[in-house]
């Protein structure tokens, strides 16, 4: 497990800033796509990773956590590009969320 993932799970402080929902491009669309895959998953935190211009979403389902990274470019394009970007987003989310290796047990 990467040190970044352990840092997030243990509640440690990351160098990447926590981002409010209203500052994440197309946050509502990401949330909607996650609910379409599994309505029991919630987004707990979102970080902006400046070194690779992506957003890291911390997802929770019961006592398990999954970290999903989505490129900023894709989120920016969702409102203007429509179905092509939505398909790409759905594919990324399914890749993470449906992968058992993504989900790590934690104590909240």
C-alpha atoms as a PDB file:
ATOM      1  CA  UNK A   1       0.000   0.000   0.000  1.00  0.00           C
ATOM      2  CA  UNK A   2       1.358   3.416  -0.889  1.00  0.00           C
ATOM      3  CA  UNK A   3       2.339   5.819   1.870  1.00  0.00           C
ATOM      4  CA  UNK A   4      -0.173   8.348   0.475  1.00  0.00           C
ATOM      5  CA  UNK A   5      -3.010   5.875   0.928  1.00  0.00           C
ATOM      6  CA  UNK A   6      -1.862   5.004   4.440  1.00  0.00           C
ATOM      7  CA  UNK A   7      -1.588   8.696   5.281  1.00  0.00           C
ATOM      8  CA  UNK A   8      -5.160   9.295   4.141  1.00  0.00           C
ATOM      9  CA  UNK A   9      -6.500   6.250   5.943  1.00  0.00           C
ATOM     10  CA  UNK A  10      -4.762   7.066   9.204  1.00  0.00           C
ATOM     11  CA  UNK A  11      -6.126  10.611   9.071  1.00  0.00           C
ATOM     12  CA  UNK A  12      -2.711  12.138   8.523  1.00  0.00           C
ATOM     13  CA  UNK A  13      -2.210  15.510   6.910  1.00  0.00           C
ATOM     14  CA  UNK A  14      -1.388  15.422   3.213  1.00  0.00           C
ATOM     15  CA  UNK A  15       0.563  18.036   1.300  1.00  0.00           C
ATOM     16  CA  UNK A  16      -2.275  18.180  -1.218  1.00  0.00           C
ATOM     17  CA  UNK A  17      -5.021  20.590  -0.217  1.00  0.00           C
ATOM     18  CA  UNK A  18      -8.472  19.424   0.717  1.00  0.00           C
ATOM     19  CA  UNK A  19     -10.985  20.869  -1.738  1.00  0.00           C
ATOM     20  CA  UNK A  20     -14.587  21.839  -0.997  1.00  0.00           C
ATOM     21  CA  UNK A  21     -17.299  20.235  -3.160  1.00  0.00           C
ATOM     22  CA  UNK A  22     -18.177  23.553  -4.799  1.00  0.00           C
ATOM     23  CA  UNK A  23     -14.550  23.998  -5.960  1.00  0.00           C
ATOM     24  CA  UNK A  24     -14.351  20.636  -7.756  1.00  0.00           C
ATOM     25  CA  UNK A  25     -15.352  20.846 -11.438  1.00  0.00           C
ATOM     26  CA  UNK A  26     -18.405  18.647 -12.138  1.00  0.00           C
ATOM     27  CA  UNK A  27     -18.514  17.286  -8.572  1.00  0.00           C
ATOM     28  CA  UNK A  28     -22.249  16.583  -8.919  1.00  0.00           C
ATOM     29  CA  UNK A  29     -21.658  14.488 -12.031  1.00  0.00           C
ATOM     30  CA  UNK A  30     -18.949  12.430 -10.287  1.00  0.00           C
ATOM     31  CA  UNK A  31     -21.259  11.893  -7.317  1.00  0.00           C
ATOM     32  CA  UNK A  32     -24.136  10.880  -9.616  1.00  0.00           C
ATOM     33  CA  UNK A  33     -21.966   8.390 -11.550  1.00  0.00           C
ATOM     34  CA  UNK A  34     -20.754   6.818  -8.297  1.00  0.00           C
ATOM     35  CA  UNK A  35     -24.357   6.426  -7.099  1.00  0.00           C
ATOM     36  CA  UNK A  36     -25.260   4.765 -10.425  1.00  0.00           C
ATOM     37  CA  UNK A  37     -22.542   2.174  -9.779  1.00  0.00           C
ATOM     38  CA  UNK A  38     -23.342   1.660  -6.082  1.00  0.00           C
ATOM     39  CA  UNK A  39     -25.767   3.833  -4.128  1.00  0.00           C
ATOM     40  CA  UNK A  40     -24.143   2.915  -0.788  1.00  0.00           C
ATOM     41  CA  UNK A  41     -20.839   4.661  -1.622  1.00  0.00           C
ATOM     42  CA  UNK A  42     -20.249   8.206  -0.394  1.00  0.00           C
ATOM     43  CA  UNK A  43     -17.519  10.726  -1.178  1.00  0.00           C
ATOM     44  CA  UNK A  44     -15.867  11.726   2.089  1.00  0.00           C
ATOM     45  CA  UNK A  45     -13.057  14.054   0.983  1.00  0.00           C
ATOM     46  CA  UNK A  46     -11.563  15.402  -2.200  1.00  0.00           C
ATOM     47  CA  UNK A  47      -7.960  16.551  -2.632  1.00  0.00           C
ATOM     48  CA  UNK A  48      -6.323  18.394  -5.507  1.00  0.00           C
ATOM     49  CA  UNK A  49      -3.028  16.831  -6.575  1.00  0.00           C
ATOM     50  CA  UNK A  50      -1.025  19.687  -8.020  1.00  0.00           C
ATOM     51  CA  UNK A  51       1.875  17.547  -9.246  1.00  0.00           C
ATOM     52  CA  UNK A  52      -0.301  15.739 -11.812  1.00  0.00           C
ATOM     53  CA  UNK A  53      -3.346  18.039 -12.045  1.00  0.00           C
ATOM     54  CA  UNK A  54      -5.912  15.555 -10.803  1.00  0.00           C
ATOM     55  CA  UNK A  55      -8.450  15.216  -8.042  1.00  0.00           C
ATOM     56  CA  UNK A  56      -8.280  12.399  -5.497  1.00  0.00           C
ATOM     57  CA  UNK A  57     -11.669  11.304  -4.213  1.00  0.00           C
ATOM     58  CA  UNK A  58     -11.843   9.394  -0.938  1.00  0.00           C
ATOM     59  CA  UNK A  59     -14.801   6.995  -1.124  1.00  0.00           C
ATOM     60  CA  UNK A  60     -16.358   5.107   1.786  1.00  0.00           C
ATOM     61  CA  UNK A  61     -18.571   2.041   1.761  1.00  0.00           C
ATOM     62  CA  UNK A  62     -19.334   0.627   5.217  1.00  0.00           C
ATOM     63  CA  UNK A  63     -15.921   0.098   6.831  1.00  0.00           C
ATOM     64  CA  UNK A  64     -13.957   0.167   3.573  1.00  0.00           C
ATOM     65  CA  UNK A  65     -12.256   2.999   1.710  1.00  0.00           C
ATOM     66  CA  UNK A  66     -11.249   3.395  -1.938  1.00  0.00           C
ATOM     67  CA  UNK A  67      -9.142   6.215  -3.392  1.00  0.00           C
ATOM     68  CA  UNK A  68     -10.018   7.330  -6.936  1.00  0.00           C
ATOM     69  CA  UNK A  69      -7.944   9.774  -8.988  1.00  0.00           C
ATOM     70  CA  UNK A  70      -9.613  11.674 -11.818  1.00  0.00           C
ATOM     71  CA  UNK A  71      -7.735  14.043 -14.135  1.00  0.00           C
ATOM     72  CA  UNK A  72      -8.700  17.714 -13.814  1.00  0.00           C
ATOM     73  CA  UNK A  73      -8.886  17.908 -17.609  1.00  0.00           C
ATOM     74  CA  UNK A  74     -11.648  15.293 -17.655  1.00  0.00           C
ATOM     75  CA  UNK A  75     -13.669  17.076 -14.973  1.00  0.00           C
ATOM     76  CA  UNK A  76     -13.262  20.395 -16.770  1.00  0.00           C
ATOM     77  CA  UNK A  77     -14.468  18.812 -20.027  1.00  0.00           C
ATOM     78  CA  UNK A  78     -17.559  17.167 -18.560  1.00  0.00           C
ATOM     79  CA  UNK A  79     -19.762  20.221 -18.896  1.00  0.00           C
ATOM     80  CA  UNK A  80     -18.692  21.048 -22.451  1.00  0.00           C
ATOM     81  CA  UNK A  81     -17.839  17.638 -23.939  1.00  0.00           C
ATOM     82  CA  UNK A  82     -20.873  15.734 -22.738  1.00  0.00           C
ATOM     83  CA  UNK A  83     -21.215  12.039 -23.474  1.00  0.00           C
ATOM     84  CA  UNK A  84     -17.583  11.319 -24.439  1.00  0.00           C
ATOM     85  CA  UNK A  85     -16.265  12.636 -21.134  1.00  0.00           C
ATOM     86  CA  UNK A  86     -19.105  11.028 -19.169  1.00  0.00           C
ATOM     87  CA  UNK A  87     -18.235   7.641 -20.675  1.00  0.00           C
ATOM     88  CA  UNK A  88     -14.560   8.140 -19.789  1.00  0.00           C
ATOM     89  CA  UNK A  89     -15.533   9.140 -16.231  1.00  0.00           C
ATOM     90  CA  UNK A  90     -17.808   6.091 -15.869  1.00  0.00           C
ATOM     91  CA  UNK A  91     -15.031   3.807 -17.111  1.00  0.00           C
ATOM     92  CA  UNK A  92     -12.528   5.250 -14.599  1.00  0.00           C
ATOM     93  CA  UNK A  93     -14.982   4.998 -11.699  1.00  0.00           C
ATOM     94  CA  UNK A  94     -15.965   1.421 -12.563  1.00  0.00           C
ATOM     95  CA  UNK A  95     -12.307   0.440 -12.848  1.00  0.00           C
ATOM     96  CA  UNK A  96     -11.691   1.579  -9.271  1.00  0.00           C
ATOM     97  CA  UNK A  97     -15.015   0.884  -7.555  1.00  0.00           C
ATOM     98  CA  UNK A  98     -15.529  -2.600  -8.998  1.00  0.00           C
ATOM     99  CA  UNK A  99     -11.938  -3.615  -8.184  1.00  0.00           C
ATOM    100  CA  UNK A 100     -11.797  -5.414  -4.829  1.00  0.00           C
ATOM    101  CA  UNK A 101      -8.118  -4.416  -4.447  1.00  0.00           C
ATOM    102  CA  UNK A 102      -9.119  -0.757  -4.280  1.00  0.00           C
ATOM    103  CA  UNK A 103     -11.145  -1.232  -1.103  1.00  0.00           C
ATOM    104  CA  UNK A 104      -9.195  -1.196   2.145  1.00  0.00           C
ATOM    105  CA  UNK A 105     -10.628  -1.792   5.599  1.00  0.00           C
ATOM    106  CA  UNK A 106     -10.323   1.086   8.034  1.00  0.00           C
ATOM    107  CA  UNK A 107     -11.686   2.193  11.364  1.00  0.00           C
ATOM    108  CA  UNK A 108     -13.541   5.476  11.181  1.00  0.00           C
END
